[in-house]
Amino acid sequence: MTFADPSFRYDQKIVTFGGGTGHYYLLRGLVQHNCPEHITAVPGTWDDGGSSGRLRTELGVLPPGDARQCLLALMEHADQREVAQRLFDDRLMDIDGPFRGHSVGNLIGARLEQIFRGQDRGLDAARALFRVPSNILPVSLMDLRLIARTGSGIEIEGETNVDLRSKRADFLPEDRITRIYFNTKADPNPQVLQAVAEADKIVFSSGDLYTSIVPHLLVDGIQEAINAARGQLIFVLNLMTKRGETDHYKASDHLSAFVFYLGSNTRLDYMVANDNSLDPEILDIYRREGQEPVEMDEPACRELVPEVTIIRAPLARYLKKEHLLRHDPNKLALTILELD
């Protein structure tokens, strides 16, 4: 198979873990090139910022933001997705009252959760409403709060506060995050454990390492299910570092954190990394914002995980309108789907 064959669809059972735009772009590619019914997206449930955080506090629902992004990414038709995105992203800024500033997509998700008594059943209803055949399964159905600890002993409570750590008065890039945990025991969604056991491929998307990616592995049973599963395990390396989370991280630093929370340095089959040159002018802008390309230090990676296969491919693309570097959805998906 090559990238140029648009008519072929793979039929692999794929489970993806992640959050934010990294997960979104991975799913956008997979749904175009794999049988949608065999894709299972697993979002997190610890977001406590913005509209999701407000709904979590005011209505007692699980944060709907990451699940909403999965729903949008898994819509197969561009015209449907375009209308849905405009609706979901609308913040109701032209009205006054308690709904002002809320994402309409989050409100829909929260209301469906209340009507159907659970985020999992609410998501099934949303999938039926928007005709999305892929599965969306929250990793846990519990109300979770993420906590990070740095090397100097500073504790940061809440996903949003960890995400915005670089804005703290006491922020020092060299004071790395050394541990993350939840405020309570995190029970797994049984459907996720089953999907992992049946998967041909288990993929951790790119994304914020300590707030979107490795927290999935803190949920009881997820680490064990992945380590016992027959499917290939794939880790997508970030394009850029994240200020406040992964300052000056090389590929081996990302890999070290991932295998630490995975609990095994022999389970990972593939690490997928970008290998195309990036425009120096674009990189200069990112560097002024405290971000830099993730350097591939392959010998250190192989020392950490001797049996991992490192796949390097030209996967990055620059979105001019948004001034964002992102993975190309089609190239990333096909790189993953073509792994033996």
C-alpha atoms as a PDB file:
ATOM      1  CA  MET A   1       0.000   0.000   0.000  1.00  0.00           C
ATOM      2  CA  THR A   2       1.070   3.588  -0.631  1.00  0.00           C
ATOM      3  CA  PHE A   3      -0.183   6.981   0.472  1.00  0.00           C
ATOM      4  CA  ALA A   4      -1.585   7.483  -3.044  1.00  0.00           C
ATOM      5  CA  ASP A   5      -4.297   4.784  -2.909  1.00  0.00           C
ATOM      6  CA  PRO A   6      -7.477   6.487  -1.604  1.00  0.00           C
ATOM      7  CA  SER A   7      -9.853   3.602  -2.331  1.00  0.00           C
ATOM      8  CA  PHE A   8      -8.407   1.029   0.059  1.00  0.00           C
ATOM      9  CA  ARG A   9      -9.516   0.783   3.698  1.00  0.00           C
ATOM     10  CA  TYR A  10      -7.761  -1.269   6.320  1.00  0.00           C
ATOM     11  CA  ASP A  11      -9.818  -3.377   8.697  1.00  0.00           C
ATOM     12  CA  GLN A  12      -7.765  -3.320  11.888  1.00  0.00           C
ATOM     13  CA  LYS A  13      -9.120  -3.118  15.419  1.00  0.00           C
ATOM     14  CA  ILE A  14      -7.479   0.032  16.736  1.00  0.00           C
ATOM     15  CA  VAL A  15      -7.685   1.590  20.197  1.00  0.00           C
ATOM     16  CA  THR A  16      -6.333   5.130  20.622  1.00  0.00           C
ATOM     17  CA  PHE A  17      -5.506   6.928  23.863  1.00  0.00           C
ATOM     18  CA  GLY A  18      -4.953  10.672  24.008  1.00  0.00           C
ATOM     19  CA  GLY A  19      -6.438  14.116  24.293  1.00  0.00           C
ATOM     20  CA  GLY A  20      -6.560  17.499  22.622  1.00  0.00           C
ATOM     21  CA  THR A  21      -5.497  18.222  19.071  1.00  0.00           C
ATOM     22  CA  GLY A  22      -2.951  15.389  18.875  1.00  0.00           C
ATOM     23  CA  HIS A  23      -5.680  12.822  19.407  1.00  0.00           C
ATOM     24  CA  TYR A  24      -7.988  14.708  17.038  1.00  0.00           C
ATOM     25  CA  TYR A  25      -5.561  14.620  14.105  1.00  0.00           C
ATOM     26  CA  LEU A  26      -4.724  10.955  14.661  1.00  0.00           C
ATOM     27  CA  LEU A  27      -8.427  10.033  14.600  1.00  0.00           C
ATOM     28  CA  ARG A  28      -9.078  12.238  11.546  1.00  0.00           C
ATOM     29  CA  GLY A  29      -6.587  10.171   9.589  1.00  0.00           C
ATOM     30  CA  LEU A  30      -7.623   6.781  10.922  1.00  0.00           C
ATOM     31  CA  VAL A  31     -11.307   7.258  10.112  1.00  0.00           C
ATOM     32  CA  GLN A  32     -10.392   7.983   6.483  1.00  0.00           C
ATOM     33  CA  HIS A  33      -8.247   4.880   6.040  1.00  0.00           C
ATOM     34  CA  ASN A  34      -9.566   2.219   8.419  1.00  0.00           C
ATOM     35  CA  CYS A  35     -12.961   0.613   8.897  1.00  0.00           C
ATOM     36  CA  PRO A  36     -14.658   3.147  11.239  1.00  0.00           C
ATOM     37  CA  GLU A  37     -16.523   0.460  13.188  1.00  0.00           C
ATOM     38  CA  HIS A  38     -13.194  -0.934  14.353  1.00  0.00           C
ATOM     39  CA  ILE A  39     -11.804   2.324  15.767  1.00  0.00           C
ATOM     40  CA  THR A  40     -12.159   2.949  19.505  1.00  0.00           C
ATOM     41  CA  ALA A  41     -11.133   6.381  20.809  1.00  0.00           C
ATOM     42  CA  VAL A  42     -10.395   6.622  24.538  1.00  0.00           C
ATOM     43  CA  PRO A  43     -10.498  10.192  25.917  1.00  0.00           C
ATOM     44  CA  GLY A  44      -9.548  11.209  29.443  1.00  0.00           C
ATOM     45  CA  THR A  45     -11.902  12.490  32.138  1.00  0.00           C
ATOM     46  CA  TRP A  46      -9.737  14.792  34.269  1.00  0.00           C
ATOM     47  CA  ASP A  47     -10.019  18.107  32.361  1.00  0.00           C
ATOM     48  CA  ASP A  48     -11.024  20.861  34.799  1.00  0.00           C
ATOM     49  CA  GLY A  49     -10.604  24.031  32.729  1.00  0.00           C
ATOM     50  CA  GLY A  50     -12.794  26.247  30.558  1.00  0.00           C
ATOM     51  CA  SER A  51     -16.293  25.173  29.644  1.00  0.00           C
ATOM     52  CA  SER A  52     -15.602  21.526  30.579  1.00  0.00           C
ATOM     53  CA  GLY A  53     -14.460  22.532  34.045  1.00  0.00           C
ATOM     54  CA  ARG A  54     -17.472  24.763  34.620  1.00  0.00           C
ATOM     55  CA  LEU A  55     -19.910  22.033  33.577  1.00  0.00           C
ATOM     56  CA  ARG A  56     -18.067  19.558  35.759  1.00  0.00           C
ATOM     57  CA  THR A  57     -18.522  21.861  38.770  1.00  0.00           C
ATOM     58  CA  GLU A  58     -21.997  23.204  38.034  1.00  0.00           C
ATOM     59  CA  LEU A  59     -23.728  20.062  36.752  1.00  0.00           C
ATOM     60  CA  GLY A  60     -21.639  17.257  38.233  1.00  0.00           C
ATOM     61  CA  VAL A  61     -20.962  15.714  34.813  1.00  0.00           C
ATOM     62  CA  LEU A  62     -17.699  14.318  33.541  1.00  0.00           C
ATOM     63  CA  PRO A  63     -15.728  16.861  31.482  1.00  0.00           C
ATOM     64  CA  PRO A  64     -17.060  16.557  27.909  1.00  0.00           C
ATOM     65  CA  GLY A  65     -14.361  18.444  25.976  1.00  0.00           C
ATOM     66  CA  ASP A  66     -12.044  15.589  24.915  1.00  0.00           C
ATOM     67  CA  ALA A  67     -14.972  13.293  24.112  1.00  0.00           C
ATOM     68  CA  ARG A  68     -16.486  16.071  21.975  1.00  0.00           C
ATOM     69  CA  GLN A  69     -13.228  16.362  20.016  1.00  0.00           C
ATOM     70  CA  CYS A  70     -13.255  12.613  19.395  1.00  0.00           C
ATOM     71  CA  LEU A  71     -16.850  12.751  18.170  1.00  0.00           C
ATOM     72  CA  LEU A  72     -15.985  15.549  15.763  1.00  0.00           C
ATOM     73  CA  ALA A  73     -12.812  13.856  14.491  1.00  0.00           C
ATOM     74  CA  LEU A  74     -14.644  10.604  13.795  1.00  0.00           C
ATOM     75  CA  MET A  75     -17.304  12.153  11.553  1.00  0.00           C
ATOM     76  CA  GLU A  76     -16.519  10.746   8.133  1.00  0.00           C
ATOM     77  CA  HIS A  77     -18.001  13.406   5.844  1.00  0.00           C
ATOM     78  CA  ALA A  78     -16.369  16.808   5.488  1.00  0.00           C
ATOM     79  CA  ASP A  79     -19.643  18.725   5.085  1.00  0.00           C
ATOM     80  CA  GLN A  80     -21.094  17.165   8.240  1.00  0.00           C
ATOM     81  CA  ARG A  81     -17.897  17.830  10.176  1.00  0.00           C
ATOM     82  CA  GLU A  82     -17.743  21.467   9.028  1.00  0.00           C
ATOM     83  CA  VAL A  83     -21.278  22.197  10.247  1.00  0.00           C
ATOM     84  CA  ALA A  84     -20.755  20.241  13.470  1.00  0.00           C
ATOM     85  CA  GLN A  85     -17.494  22.052  14.222  1.00  0.00           C
ATOM     86  CA  ARG A  86     -19.118  25.476  13.836  1.00  0.00           C
ATOM     87  CA  LEU A  87     -21.919  24.360  16.132  1.00  0.00           C
ATOM     88  CA  PHE A  88     -19.709  22.613  18.703  1.00  0.00           C
ATOM     89  CA  ASP A  89     -17.198  25.466  18.902  1.00  0.00           C
ATOM     90  CA  ASP A  90     -19.804  28.208  19.279  1.00  0.00           C
ATOM     91  CA  ARG A  91     -19.325  29.819  22.702  1.00  0.00           C
ATOM     92  CA  LEU A  92     -22.672  31.638  22.944  1.00  0.00           C
ATOM     93  CA  MET A  93     -20.894  34.961  23.393  1.00  0.00           C
ATOM     94  CA  ASP A  94     -23.888  36.843  21.998  1.00  0.00           C
ATOM     95  CA  ILE A  95     -26.094  35.941  24.963  1.00  0.00           C
ATOM     96  CA  ASP A  96     -26.078  36.819  28.652  1.00  0.00           C
ATOM     97  CA  GLY A  97     -26.677  34.440  31.504  1.00  0.00           C
ATOM     98  CA  PRO A  98     -25.198  31.165  32.793  1.00  0.00           C
ATOM     99  CA  PHE A  99     -24.653  29.633  29.339  1.00  0.00           C
ATOM    100  CA  ARG A 100     -22.455  32.478  28.067  1.00  0.00           C
ATOM    101  CA  GLY A 101     -18.964  31.233  27.219  1.00  0.00           C
ATOM    102  CA  HIS A 102     -19.924  27.576  27.139  1.00  0.00           C
ATOM    103  CA  SER A 103     -19.148  25.474  24.083  1.00  0.00           C
ATOM    104  CA  VAL A 104     -22.400  24.282  22.510  1.00  0.00           C
ATOM    105  CA  GLY A 105     -20.727  20.918  21.912  1.00  0.00           C
ATOM    106  CA  ASN A 106     -19.957  20.610  25.612  1.00  0.00           C
ATOM    107  CA  LEU A 107     -23.532  21.538  26.512  1.00  0.00           C
ATOM    108  CA  ILE A 108     -24.864  18.853  24.162  1.00  0.00           C
ATOM    109  CA  GLY A 109     -22.534  16.264  25.680  1.00  0.00           C
ATOM    110  CA  ALA A 110     -23.378  17.270  29.241  1.00  0.00           C
ATOM    111  CA  ARG A 111     -27.120  17.190  28.616  1.00  0.00           C
ATOM    112  CA  LEU A 112     -26.969  13.788  26.922  1.00  0.00           C
ATOM    113  CA  GLU A 113     -25.005  12.474  29.895  1.00  0.00           C
ATOM    114  CA  GLN A 114     -27.777  13.672  32.217  1.00  0.00           C
ATOM    115  CA  ILE A 115     -30.619  12.364  30.035  1.00  0.00           C
ATOM    116  CA  PHE A 116     -29.061   8.928  29.560  1.00  0.00           C
ATOM    117  CA  ARG A 117     -27.535   8.785  33.066  1.00  0.00           C
ATOM    118  CA  GLY A 118     -23.845   8.386  32.334  1.00  0.00           C
ATOM    119  CA  GLN A 119     -21.186   9.763  30.010  1.00  0.00           C
ATOM    120  CA  ASP A 120     -20.731   6.390  28.310  1.00  0.00           C
ATOM    121  CA  ARG A 121     -24.427   6.127  27.469  1.00  0.00           C
ATOM    122  CA  GLY A 122     -24.561   9.823  26.606  1.00  0.00           C
ATOM    123  CA  LEU A 123     -21.710   9.317  24.142  1.00  0.00           C
ATOM    124  CA  ASP A 124     -23.515   6.365  22.573  1.00  0.00           C
ATOM    125  CA  ALA A 125     -26.524   8.651  22.100  1.00  0.00           C
ATOM    126  CA  ALA A 126     -24.325  11.353  20.539  1.00  0.00           C
ATOM    127  CA  ARG A 127     -22.802   8.793  18.172  1.00  0.00           C
ATOM    128  CA  ALA A 128     -26.277   7.729  17.093  1.00  0.00           C
ATOM    129  CA  LEU A 129     -27.381  11.347  16.674  1.00  0.00           C
ATOM    130  CA  PHE A 130     -24.395  12.279  14.506  1.00  0.00           C
ATOM    131  CA  ARG A 131     -24.099   8.880  12.787  1.00  0.00           C
ATOM    132  CA  VAL A 132     -20.589   8.100  14.030  1.00  0.00           C
ATOM    133  CA  PRO A 133     -19.954   4.339  13.833  1.00  0.00           C
ATOM    134  CA  SER A 134     -16.633   4.419  15.707  1.00  0.00           C
ATOM    135  CA  ASN A 135     -16.583   3.829  19.448  1.00  0.00           C
ATOM    136  CA  ILE A 136     -15.794   6.552  21.995  1.00  0.00           C
ATOM    137  CA  LEU A 137     -15.149   5.145  25.462  1.00  0.00           C
ATOM    138  CA  PRO A 138     -14.016   7.308  28.401  1.00  0.00           C
ATOM    139  CA  VAL A 139     -11.024   5.668  30.087  1.00  0.00           C
ATOM    140  CA  SER A 140     -12.788   6.011  33.451  1.00  0.00           C
ATOM    141  CA  LEU A 141     -16.287   7.038  34.504  1.00  0.00           C
ATOM    142  CA  MET A 142     -15.027   8.629  37.730  1.00  0.00           C
ATOM    143  CA  ASP A 143     -14.557  12.267  38.684  1.00  0.00           C
ATOM    144  CA  LEU A 144     -10.760  12.559  38.705  1.00  0.00           C
ATOM    145  CA  ARG A 145      -8.414  15.386  39.609  1.00  0.00           C
ATOM    146  CA  LEU A 146      -4.855  15.306  38.287  1.00  0.00           C
ATOM    147  CA  ILE A 147      -1.931  16.329  40.512  1.00  0.00           C
ATOM    148  CA  ALA A 148       1.696  16.849  39.474  1.00  0.00           C
ATOM    149  CA  ARG A 149       4.804  17.063  41.642  1.00  0.00           C
ATOM    150  CA  THR A 150       8.083  18.645  40.532  1.00  0.00           C
ATOM    151  CA  GLY A 151      11.636  17.719  41.466  1.00  0.00           C
ATOM    152  CA  SER A 152      11.778  20.481  44.074  1.00  0.00           C
ATOM    153  CA  GLY A 153       8.600  19.203  45.742  1.00  0.00           C
ATOM    154  CA  ILE A 154       6.086  21.715  44.361  1.00  0.00           C
ATOM    155  CA  GLU A 155       2.604  20.186  43.996  1.00  0.00           C
ATOM    156  CA  ILE A 156       0.271  21.483  41.295  1.00  0.00           C
ATOM    157  CA  GLU A 157      -3.352  20.396  41.570  1.00  0.00           C
ATOM    158  CA  GLY A 158      -5.697  20.298  38.591  1.00  0.00           C
ATOM    159  CA  GLU A 159      -5.089  19.547  34.915  1.00  0.00           C
ATOM    160  CA  THR A 160      -5.474  23.202  33.938  1.00  0.00           C
ATOM    161  CA  ASN A 161      -2.954  24.380  36.528  1.00  0.00           C
ATOM    162  CA  VAL A 162      -0.442  21.780  35.318  1.00  0.00           C
ATOM    163  CA  ASP A 163      -1.117  22.846  31.731  1.00  0.00           C
ATOM    164  CA  LEU A 164      -0.528  26.509  32.631  1.00  0.00           C
ATOM    165  CA  ARG A 165       2.389  25.840  34.962  1.00  0.00           C
ATOM    166  CA  SER A 166       4.725  28.045  32.900  1.00  0.00           C
ATOM    167  CA  LYS A 167       2.701  31.097  33.986  1.00  0.00           C
ATOM    168  CA  ARG A 168       3.379  30.550  37.698  1.00  0.00           C
ATOM    169  CA  ALA A 169       5.660  33.047  39.420  1.00  0.00           C
ATOM    170  CA  ASP A 170       7.811  30.196  40.763  1.00  0.00           C
ATOM    171  CA  PHE A 171       8.174  28.394  37.419  1.00  0.00           C
ATOM    172  CA  LEU A 172      11.661  27.159  36.575  1.00  0.00           C
ATOM    173  CA  PRO A 173      12.095  25.105  33.382  1.00  0.00           C
ATOM    174  CA  GLU A 174      14.805  22.990  35.017  1.00  0.00           C
ATOM    175  CA  ASP A 175      12.403  21.990  37.849  1.00  0.00           C
ATOM    176  CA  ARG A 176      10.907  19.094  35.926  1.00  0.00           C
ATOM    177  CA  ILE A 177       7.698  17.248  36.659  1.00  0.00           C
ATOM    178  CA  THR A 178       8.736  14.002  38.323  1.00  0.00           C
ATOM    179  CA  ARG A 179       5.408  12.446  39.241  1.00  0.00           C
ATOM    180  CA  ILE A 180       1.721  12.669  38.384  1.00  0.00           C
ATOM    181  CA  TYR A 181      -1.194  11.032  40.179  1.00  0.00           C
ATOM    182  CA  PHE A 182      -4.920  11.335  40.793  1.00  0.00           C
ATOM    183  CA  ASN A 183      -6.581  12.531  43.972  1.00  0.00           C
ATOM    184  CA  THR A 184      -8.454   9.235  44.284  1.00  0.00           C
ATOM    185  CA  LYS A 185      -8.396   5.641  43.094  1.00  0.00           C
ATOM    186  CA  ALA A 186      -9.348   5.642  39.402  1.00  0.00           C
ATOM    187  CA  ASP A 187     -11.525   2.708  38.361  1.00  0.00           C
ATOM    188  CA  PRO A 188     -11.359   1.756  34.668  1.00  0.00           C
ATOM    189  CA  ASN A 189     -14.186   1.672  32.183  1.00  0.00           C
ATOM    190  CA  PRO A 190     -14.660  -2.109  31.650  1.00  0.00           C
ATOM    191  CA  GLN A 191     -15.414  -1.542  27.964  1.00  0.00           C
ATOM    192  CA  VAL A 192     -11.957   0.004  27.507  1.00  0.00           C
ATOM    193  CA  LEU A 193     -10.290  -3.055  29.033  1.00  0.00           C
ATOM    194  CA  GLN A 194     -12.207  -5.286  26.637  1.00  0.00           C
ATOM    195  CA  ALA A 195     -11.345  -3.112  23.620  1.00  0.00           C
ATOM    196  CA  VAL A 196      -7.656  -3.203  24.549  1.00  0.00           C
ATOM    197  CA  ALA A 197      -7.715  -6.986  24.874  1.00  0.00           C
ATOM    198  CA  GLU A 198      -9.250  -7.340  21.405  1.00  0.00           C
ATOM    199  CA  ALA A 199      -7.164  -4.664  19.624  1.00  0.00           C
ATOM    200  CA  ASP A 200      -4.764  -5.289  16.767  1.00  0.00           C
ATOM    201  CA  LYS A 201      -3.056  -1.983  17.534  1.00  0.00           C
ATOM    202  CA  ILE A 202      -3.019   0.240  20.630  1.00  0.00           C
ATOM    203  CA  VAL A 203      -1.892   3.789  19.860  1.00  0.00           C
ATOM    204  CA  PHE A 204      -0.959   6.615  22.205  1.00  0.00           C
ATOM    205  CA  SER A 205      -1.330   9.836  20.256  1.00  0.00           C
ATOM    206  CA  SER A 206       0.890  12.881  20.412  1.00  0.00           C
ATOM    207  CA  GLY A 207      -0.208  15.463  22.961  1.00  0.00           C
ATOM    208  CA  ASP A 208       0.694  17.057  26.274  1.00  0.00           C
ATOM    209  CA  LEU A 209       2.708  14.309  27.929  1.00  0.00           C
ATOM    210  CA  TYR A 210       1.703  14.791  31.564  1.00  0.00           C
ATOM    211  CA  THR A 211      -1.856  16.063  31.106  1.00  0.00           C
ATOM    212  CA  SER A 212      -3.188  14.212  28.039  1.00  0.00           C
ATOM    213  CA  ILE A 213      -1.111  11.067  27.470  1.00  0.00           C
ATOM    214  CA  VAL A 214       0.411   9.239  30.446  1.00  0.00           C
ATOM    215  CA  PRO A 215      -2.485   9.967  32.883  1.00  0.00           C
ATOM    216  CA  HIS A 216      -4.401   7.209  31.063  1.00  0.00           C
ATOM    217  CA  LEU A 217      -1.874   4.769  32.508  1.00  0.00           C
ATOM    218  CA  LEU A 218      -2.744   5.890  36.056  1.00  0.00           C
ATOM    219  CA  VAL A 219      -6.237   4.415  35.749  1.00  0.00           C
ATOM    220  CA  ASP A 220      -6.379   1.052  37.511  1.00  0.00           C
ATOM    221  CA  GLY A 221      -6.130  -1.881  35.145  1.00  0.00           C
ATOM    222  CA  ILE A 222      -5.160   0.069  32.019  1.00  0.00           C
ATOM    223  CA  GLN A 223      -1.431  -0.559  32.382  1.00  0.00           C
ATOM    224  CA  GLU A 224      -2.042  -4.244  33.095  1.00  0.00           C
ATOM    225  CA  ALA A 225      -4.492  -4.629  30.198  1.00  0.00           C
ATOM    226  CA  ILE A 226      -2.051  -3.085  27.720  1.00  0.00           C
ATOM    227  CA  ASN A 227       0.862  -5.178  28.937  1.00  0.00           C
ATOM    228  CA  ALA A 228      -1.235  -8.354  28.622  1.00  0.00           C
ATOM    229  CA  ALA A 229      -2.775  -7.492  25.238  1.00  0.00           C
ATOM    230  CA  ARG A 230      -1.746  -9.185  21.991  1.00  0.00           C
ATOM    231  CA  GLY A 231      -1.958  -6.004  19.882  1.00  0.00           C
ATOM    232  CA  GLN A 232       0.986  -3.890  18.825  1.00  0.00           C
ATOM    233  CA  LEU A 233       1.700  -0.918  21.101  1.00  0.00           C
ATOM    234  CA  ILE A 234       2.589   2.339  19.328  1.00  0.00           C
ATOM    235  CA  PHE A 235       3.705   5.655  20.827  1.00  0.00           C
ATOM    236  CA  VAL A 236       3.520   8.803  18.650  1.00  0.00           C
ATOM    237  CA  LEU A 237       6.253  11.259  19.592  1.00  0.00           C
ATOM    238  CA  ASN A 238       5.399  14.954  19.860  1.00  0.00           C
ATOM    239  CA  LEU A 239       6.676  17.370  17.239  1.00  0.00           C
ATOM    240  CA  MET A 240       7.513  20.105  19.746  1.00  0.00           C
ATOM    241  CA  THR A 241       8.237  20.429  23.442  1.00  0.00           C
ATOM    242  CA  LYS A 242       5.575  21.915  25.743  1.00  0.00           C
ATOM    243  CA  ARG A 243       6.530  24.836  27.960  1.00  0.00           C
ATOM    244  CA  GLY A 244       5.894  23.974  31.593  1.00  0.00           C
ATOM    245  CA  GLU A 245       5.656  20.238  30.926  1.00  0.00           C
ATOM    246  CA  THR A 246       8.470  19.042  28.696  1.00  0.00           C
ATOM    247  CA  ASP A 247      10.968  21.913  28.512  1.00  0.00           C
ATOM    248  CA  HIS A 248      14.167  20.735  26.778  1.00  0.00           C
ATOM    249  CA  TYR A 249      12.842  17.152  26.546  1.00  0.00           C
ATOM    250  CA  LYS A 250      14.442  14.937  23.943  1.00  0.00           C
ATOM    251  CA  ALA A 251      12.778  11.844  22.496  1.00  0.00           C
ATOM    252  CA  SER A 252      14.346   9.703  25.230  1.00  0.00           C
ATOM    253  CA  ASP A 253      12.815  11.907  27.940  1.00  0.00           C
ATOM    254  CA  HIS A 254       9.322  11.415  26.480  1.00  0.00           C
ATOM    255  CA  LEU A 255       9.977   7.701  26.089  1.00  0.00           C
ATOM    256  CA  SER A 256      11.321   7.388  29.635  1.00  0.00           C
ATOM    257  CA  ALA A 257       8.164   8.915  31.124  1.00  0.00           C
ATOM    258  CA  PHE A 258       5.932   6.733  28.963  1.00  0.00           C
ATOM    259  CA  VAL A 259       7.583   3.409  29.839  1.00  0.00           C
ATOM    260  CA  PHE A 260       7.796   4.396  33.526  1.00  0.00           C
ATOM    261  CA  TYR A 261       4.009   4.749  33.763  1.00  0.00           C
ATOM    262  CA  LEU A 262       3.522   1.770  31.450  1.00  0.00           C
ATOM    263  CA  GLY A 263       5.530  -0.285  33.943  1.00  0.00           C
ATOM    264  CA  SER A 264       7.552  -2.080  31.277  1.00  0.00           C
ATOM    265  CA  ASN A 265      10.454  -1.297  28.973  1.00  0.00           C
ATOM    266  CA  THR A 266       9.832  -4.396  26.837  1.00  0.00           C
ATOM    267  CA  ARG A 267       6.172  -3.945  25.849  1.00  0.00           C
ATOM    268  CA  LEU A 268       6.446  -1.009  23.407  1.00  0.00           C
ATOM    269  CA  ASP A 269       6.685  -2.148  19.794  1.00  0.00           C
ATOM    270  CA  TYR A 270       6.964   1.128  17.851  1.00  0.00           C
ATOM    271  CA  MET A 271       7.728   4.786  18.402  1.00  0.00           C
ATOM    272  CA  VAL A 272       6.662   7.000  15.491  1.00  0.00           C
ATOM    273  CA  ALA A 273       8.646  10.219  15.039  1.00  0.00           C
ATOM    274  CA  ASN A 274       8.631  13.076  12.543  1.00  0.00           C
ATOM    275  CA  ASP A 275      11.574  13.238  10.172  1.00  0.00           C
ATOM    276  CA  ASN A 276      10.954  16.178   7.839  1.00  0.00           C
ATOM    277  CA  SER A 277      12.694  19.523   7.977  1.00  0.00           C
ATOM    278  CA  LEU A 278      10.766  22.396   9.503  1.00  0.00           C
ATOM    279  CA  ASP A 279      10.885  25.996   8.282  1.00  0.00           C
ATOM    280  CA  PRO A 280      13.468  27.942  10.363  1.00  0.00           C
ATOM    281  CA  GLU A 281      11.189  31.008  10.468  1.00  0.00           C
ATOM    282  CA  ILE A 282       8.367  28.947  11.950  1.00  0.00           C
ATOM    283  CA  LEU A 283      10.736  27.361  14.461  1.00  0.00           C
ATOM    284  CA  ASP A 284      11.995  30.800  15.502  1.00  0.00           C
ATOM    285  CA  ILE A 285       8.420  31.813  16.375  1.00  0.00           C
ATOM    286  CA  TYR A 286       7.936  28.643  18.407  1.00  0.00           C
ATOM    287  CA  ARG A 287      11.255  29.154  20.188  1.00  0.00           C
ATOM    288  CA  ARG A 288      10.213  32.660  21.215  1.00  0.00           C
ATOM    289  CA  GLU A 289       7.209  30.978  22.831  1.00  0.00           C
ATOM    290  CA  GLY A 290       9.462  28.563  24.734  1.00  0.00           C
ATOM    291  CA  GLN A 291       9.028  25.555  22.439  1.00  0.00           C
ATOM    292  CA  GLU A 292      11.503  23.653  20.314  1.00  0.00           C
ATOM    293  CA  PRO A 293      11.478  20.554  18.103  1.00  0.00           C
ATOM    294  CA  VAL A 294      11.791  17.287  20.003  1.00  0.00           C
ATOM    295  CA  GLU A 295      15.307  16.051  19.257  1.00  0.00           C
ATOM    296  CA  MET A 296      15.579  12.404  18.288  1.00  0.00           C
ATOM    297  CA  ASP A 297      18.399  10.899  20.383  1.00  0.00           C
ATOM    298  CA  GLU A 298      18.048   7.369  19.059  1.00  0.00           C
ATOM    299  CA  PRO A 299      20.920   5.719  21.002  1.00  0.00           C
ATOM    300  CA  ALA A 300      19.433   6.887  24.327  1.00  0.00           C
ATOM    301  CA  CYS A 301      15.996   5.649  23.250  1.00  0.00           C
ATOM    302  CA  ARG A 302      17.378   2.231  22.380  1.00  0.00           C
ATOM    303  CA  GLU A 303      19.176   2.043  25.708  1.00  0.00           C
ATOM    304  CA  LEU A 304      15.851   2.674  27.458  1.00  0.00           C
ATOM    305  CA  VAL A 305      13.790   0.319  25.284  1.00  0.00           C
ATOM    306  CA  PRO A 306      16.195  -1.981  23.412  1.00  0.00           C
ATOM    307  CA  GLU A 307      13.549  -3.796  21.360  1.00  0.00           C
ATOM    308  CA  VAL A 308      11.534  -0.773  20.190  1.00  0.00           C
ATOM    309  CA  THR A 309      11.352  -0.091  16.454  1.00  0.00           C
ATOM    310  CA  ILE A 310      11.686   3.620  15.735  1.00  0.00           C
ATOM    311  CA  ILE A 311       9.740   4.739  12.660  1.00  0.00           C
ATOM    312  CA  ARG A 312      10.884   8.060  11.224  1.00  0.00           C
ATOM    313  CA  ALA A 313       8.723   9.621   8.509  1.00  0.00           C
ATOM    314  CA  PRO A 314       7.902  13.118   7.149  1.00  0.00           C
ATOM    315  CA  LEU A 315       4.738  13.631   9.194  1.00  0.00           C
ATOM    316  CA  ALA A 316       4.667  17.317  10.145  1.00  0.00           C
ATOM    317  CA  ARG A 317       2.677  19.990   8.356  1.00  0.00           C
ATOM    318  CA  TYR A 318       2.271  23.705   9.012  1.00  0.00           C
ATOM    319  CA  LEU A 319      -1.237  25.166   9.230  1.00  0.00           C
ATOM    320  CA  LYS A 320      -0.732  28.748   8.064  1.00  0.00           C
ATOM    321  CA  LYS A 321      -4.057  30.200   9.180  1.00  0.00           C
ATOM    322  CA  GLU A 322      -3.695  28.898  12.724  1.00  0.00           C
ATOM    323  CA  HIS A 323       0.125  29.175  12.867  1.00  0.00           C
ATOM    324  CA  LEU A 324       0.354  25.616  14.174  1.00  0.00           C
ATOM    325  CA  LEU A 325       2.614  22.673  13.495  1.00  0.00           C
ATOM    326  CA  ARG A 326       0.593  19.467  13.492  1.00  0.00           C
ATOM    327  CA  HIS A 327       0.889  15.879  12.334  1.00  0.00           C
ATOM    328  CA  ASP A 328      -0.512  15.275   8.863  1.00  0.00           C
ATOM    329  CA  PRO A 329      -3.563  13.065   9.623  1.00  0.00           C
ATOM    330  CA  ASN A 330      -3.348  10.939   6.482  1.00  0.00           C
ATOM    331  CA  LYS A 331       0.386  10.319   6.621  1.00  0.00           C
ATOM    332  CA  LEU A 332       0.307   9.544  10.344  1.00  0.00           C
ATOM    333  CA  ALA A 333      -2.624   7.149  10.026  1.00  0.00           C
ATOM    334  CA  LEU A 334      -1.126   5.299   7.066  1.00  0.00           C
ATOM    335  CA  THR A 335       2.262   5.043   8.776  1.00  0.00           C
ATOM    336  CA  ILE A 336       0.539   3.339  11.720  1.00  0.00           C
ATOM    337  CA  LEU A 337      -1.778   1.163   9.650  1.00  0.00           C
ATOM    338  CA  GLU A 338       1.068  -0.126   7.474  1.00  0.00           C
ATOM    339  CA  LEU A 339       3.121  -1.379  10.425  1.00  0.00           C
ATOM    340  CA  ASP A 340       3.435  -5.170  10.346  1.00  0.00           C
END
